């Protein structure tokens, strides 16, 4: 399961999911959350995950959307790629 316009966890993270323990996968140091992906129960070994397809289905009322709003208030570029294609130095 993934959010629109994003690659899946397998291709983005070499087949490994996240290992979040206390953040419920709603912080930028969760690989899946920072890549705008929902966690994959077959790959991730996270605890008390709130970054799920069920939460994503809740849209603006879900935990994912609320957490993203908080992050974006602090840093509007938080979910943009850190690597711009075509710009090599």
C-alpha atoms as a PDB file:
ATOM      1  CA  UNK A   1       0.000   0.000   0.000  1.00  0.00           C
ATOM      2  CA  UNK A   2       1.288   3.419  -0.852  1.00  0.00           C
ATOM      3  CA  UNK A   3       0.237   6.976  -1.249  1.00  0.00           C
ATOM      4  CA  UNK A   4      -0.325   8.384  -4.740  1.00  0.00           C
ATOM      5  CA  UNK A   5       2.715   9.391  -6.729  1.00  0.00           C
ATOM      6  CA  UNK A   6       5.312   7.534  -4.675  1.00  0.00           C
ATOM      7  CA  UNK A   7       7.397   4.407  -5.199  1.00  0.00           C
ATOM      8  CA  UNK A   8       6.835   1.468  -2.909  1.00  0.00           C
ATOM      9  CA  UNK A   9       8.870   0.655   0.205  1.00  0.00           C
ATOM     10  CA  UNK A  10      10.635  -2.271  -1.462  1.00  0.00           C
ATOM     11  CA  UNK A  11      12.196  -0.217  -4.248  1.00  0.00           C
ATOM     12  CA  UNK A  12      12.935   2.809  -2.058  1.00  0.00           C
ATOM     13  CA  UNK A  13      14.545   0.994   0.879  1.00  0.00           C
ATOM     14  CA  UNK A  14      16.164  -2.124  -0.607  1.00  0.00           C
ATOM     15  CA  UNK A  15      13.309  -4.361   0.529  1.00  0.00           C
ATOM     16  CA  UNK A  16      13.494  -3.324   4.178  1.00  0.00           C
ATOM     17  CA  UNK A  17      10.728  -1.592   6.060  1.00  0.00           C
ATOM     18  CA  UNK A  18      10.950   0.680   9.076  1.00  0.00           C
ATOM     19  CA  UNK A  19      11.693  -0.362  12.637  1.00  0.00           C
ATOM     20  CA  UNK A  20       9.982   2.440  14.576  1.00  0.00           C
ATOM     21  CA  UNK A  21       9.316   1.701  18.239  1.00  0.00           C
ATOM     22  CA  UNK A  22       7.885   4.797  19.952  1.00  0.00           C
ATOM     23  CA  UNK A  23       6.883   7.253  17.215  1.00  0.00           C
ATOM     24  CA  UNK A  24       3.960   5.303  15.732  1.00  0.00           C
ATOM     25  CA  UNK A  25       5.667   5.907  12.355  1.00  0.00           C
ATOM     26  CA  UNK A  26       4.517   9.536  12.276  1.00  0.00           C
ATOM     27  CA  UNK A  27       7.892  11.313  12.444  1.00  0.00           C
ATOM     28  CA  UNK A  28      10.348  12.153   9.671  1.00  0.00           C
ATOM     29  CA  UNK A  29      12.890   9.620  10.880  1.00  0.00           C
ATOM     30  CA  UNK A  30      10.459   6.873   9.901  1.00  0.00           C
ATOM     31  CA  UNK A  31      11.606   5.931   6.410  1.00  0.00           C
ATOM     32  CA  UNK A  32       8.097   5.135   5.215  1.00  0.00           C
ATOM     33  CA  UNK A  33       6.501   8.332   6.569  1.00  0.00           C
ATOM     34  CA  UNK A  34       9.268  10.572   5.231  1.00  0.00           C
ATOM     35  CA  UNK A  35       8.888   8.976   1.780  1.00  0.00           C
ATOM     36  CA  UNK A  36       5.078   9.489   1.927  1.00  0.00           C
ATOM     37  CA  UNK A  37       4.482   5.747   2.043  1.00  0.00           C
ATOM     38  CA  UNK A  38       2.279   3.751   4.346  1.00  0.00           C
ATOM     39  CA  UNK A  39       4.034   1.022   6.300  1.00  0.00           C
ATOM     40  CA  UNK A  40       3.951  -2.468   4.847  1.00  0.00           C
ATOM     41  CA  UNK A  41       3.222  -5.101   7.518  1.00  0.00           C
ATOM     42  CA  UNK A  42       5.226  -7.675   5.532  1.00  0.00           C
ATOM     43  CA  UNK A  43       8.375  -5.508   5.556  1.00  0.00           C
ATOM     44  CA  UNK A  44       8.119  -3.195   8.558  1.00  0.00           C
ATOM     45  CA  UNK A  45       8.615  -4.282  12.147  1.00  0.00           C
ATOM     46  CA  UNK A  46       7.208  -1.148  13.760  1.00  0.00           C
ATOM     47  CA  UNK A  47       5.256  -0.982  17.045  1.00  0.00           C
ATOM     48  CA  UNK A  48       1.797   0.597  17.382  1.00  0.00           C
ATOM     49  CA  UNK A  49       1.932   1.877  13.797  1.00  0.00           C
ATOM     50  CA  UNK A  50      -0.411   4.682  12.745  1.00  0.00           C
ATOM     51  CA  UNK A  51       1.070   5.001   9.237  1.00  0.00           C
ATOM     52  CA  UNK A  52      -1.356   2.480   7.759  1.00  0.00           C
ATOM     53  CA  UNK A  53      -3.633   2.299   4.741  1.00  0.00           C
ATOM     54  CA  UNK A  54      -6.624   2.497   7.112  1.00  0.00           C
ATOM     55  CA  UNK A  55      -5.344   5.821   8.487  1.00  0.00           C
ATOM     56  CA  UNK A  56      -4.560   7.050   4.975  1.00  0.00           C
ATOM     57  CA  UNK A  57      -8.146   6.258   3.969  1.00  0.00           C
ATOM     58  CA  UNK A  58      -9.381   8.700   6.632  1.00  0.00           C
ATOM     59  CA  UNK A  59      -7.912  11.533   4.571  1.00  0.00           C
ATOM     60  CA  UNK A  60      -7.574  14.867   6.390  1.00  0.00           C
ATOM     61  CA  UNK A  61      -9.016  13.370   9.584  1.00  0.00           C
ATOM     62  CA  UNK A  62      -6.442  10.586   9.889  1.00  0.00           C
ATOM     63  CA  UNK A  63      -3.293  10.509  11.994  1.00  0.00           C
ATOM     64  CA  UNK A  64      -1.050  10.608   8.907  1.00  0.00           C
ATOM     65  CA  UNK A  65      -2.554  13.834   7.572  1.00  0.00           C
ATOM     66  CA  UNK A  66      -2.435  15.469  11.004  1.00  0.00           C
ATOM     67  CA  UNK A  67       1.222  14.515  11.483  1.00  0.00           C
ATOM     68  CA  UNK A  68       2.110  15.749   7.984  1.00  0.00           C
ATOM     69  CA  UNK A  69       0.473  19.121   8.705  1.00  0.00           C
ATOM     70  CA  UNK A  70       2.547  19.524  11.869  1.00  0.00           C
ATOM     71  CA  UNK A  71       5.761  18.638  10.029  1.00  0.00           C
ATOM     72  CA  UNK A  72       4.965  20.937   7.096  1.00  0.00           C
ATOM     73  CA  UNK A  73       4.263  23.857   9.453  1.00  0.00           C
ATOM     74  CA  UNK A  74       7.842  23.545  10.658  1.00  0.00           C
ATOM     75  CA  UNK A  75       9.420  22.831   7.276  1.00  0.00           C
ATOM     76  CA  UNK A  76       7.450  23.268   4.059  1.00  0.00           C
ATOM     77  CA  UNK A  77      10.046  21.234   2.125  1.00  0.00           C
ATOM     78  CA  UNK A  78      10.098  18.301   4.546  1.00  0.00           C
ATOM     79  CA  UNK A  79       8.630  15.751   2.138  1.00  0.00           C
ATOM     80  CA  UNK A  80      10.433  16.878  -1.003  1.00  0.00           C
ATOM     81  CA  UNK A  81      13.279  14.833  -2.389  1.00  0.00           C
ATOM     82  CA  UNK A  82      16.681  15.898  -1.154  1.00  0.00           C
ATOM     83  CA  UNK A  83      18.092  15.117  -4.584  1.00  0.00           C
ATOM     84  CA  UNK A  84      17.053  17.138  -7.607  1.00  0.00           C
ATOM     85  CA  UNK A  85      17.354  15.236 -10.892  1.00  0.00           C
ATOM     86  CA  UNK A  86      19.779  16.790 -13.334  1.00  0.00           C
ATOM     87  CA  UNK A  87      21.715  18.813 -10.785  1.00  0.00           C
ATOM     88  CA  UNK A  88      25.093  17.264 -10.152  1.00  0.00           C
ATOM     89  CA  UNK A  89      28.056  19.085  -8.663  1.00  0.00           C
END
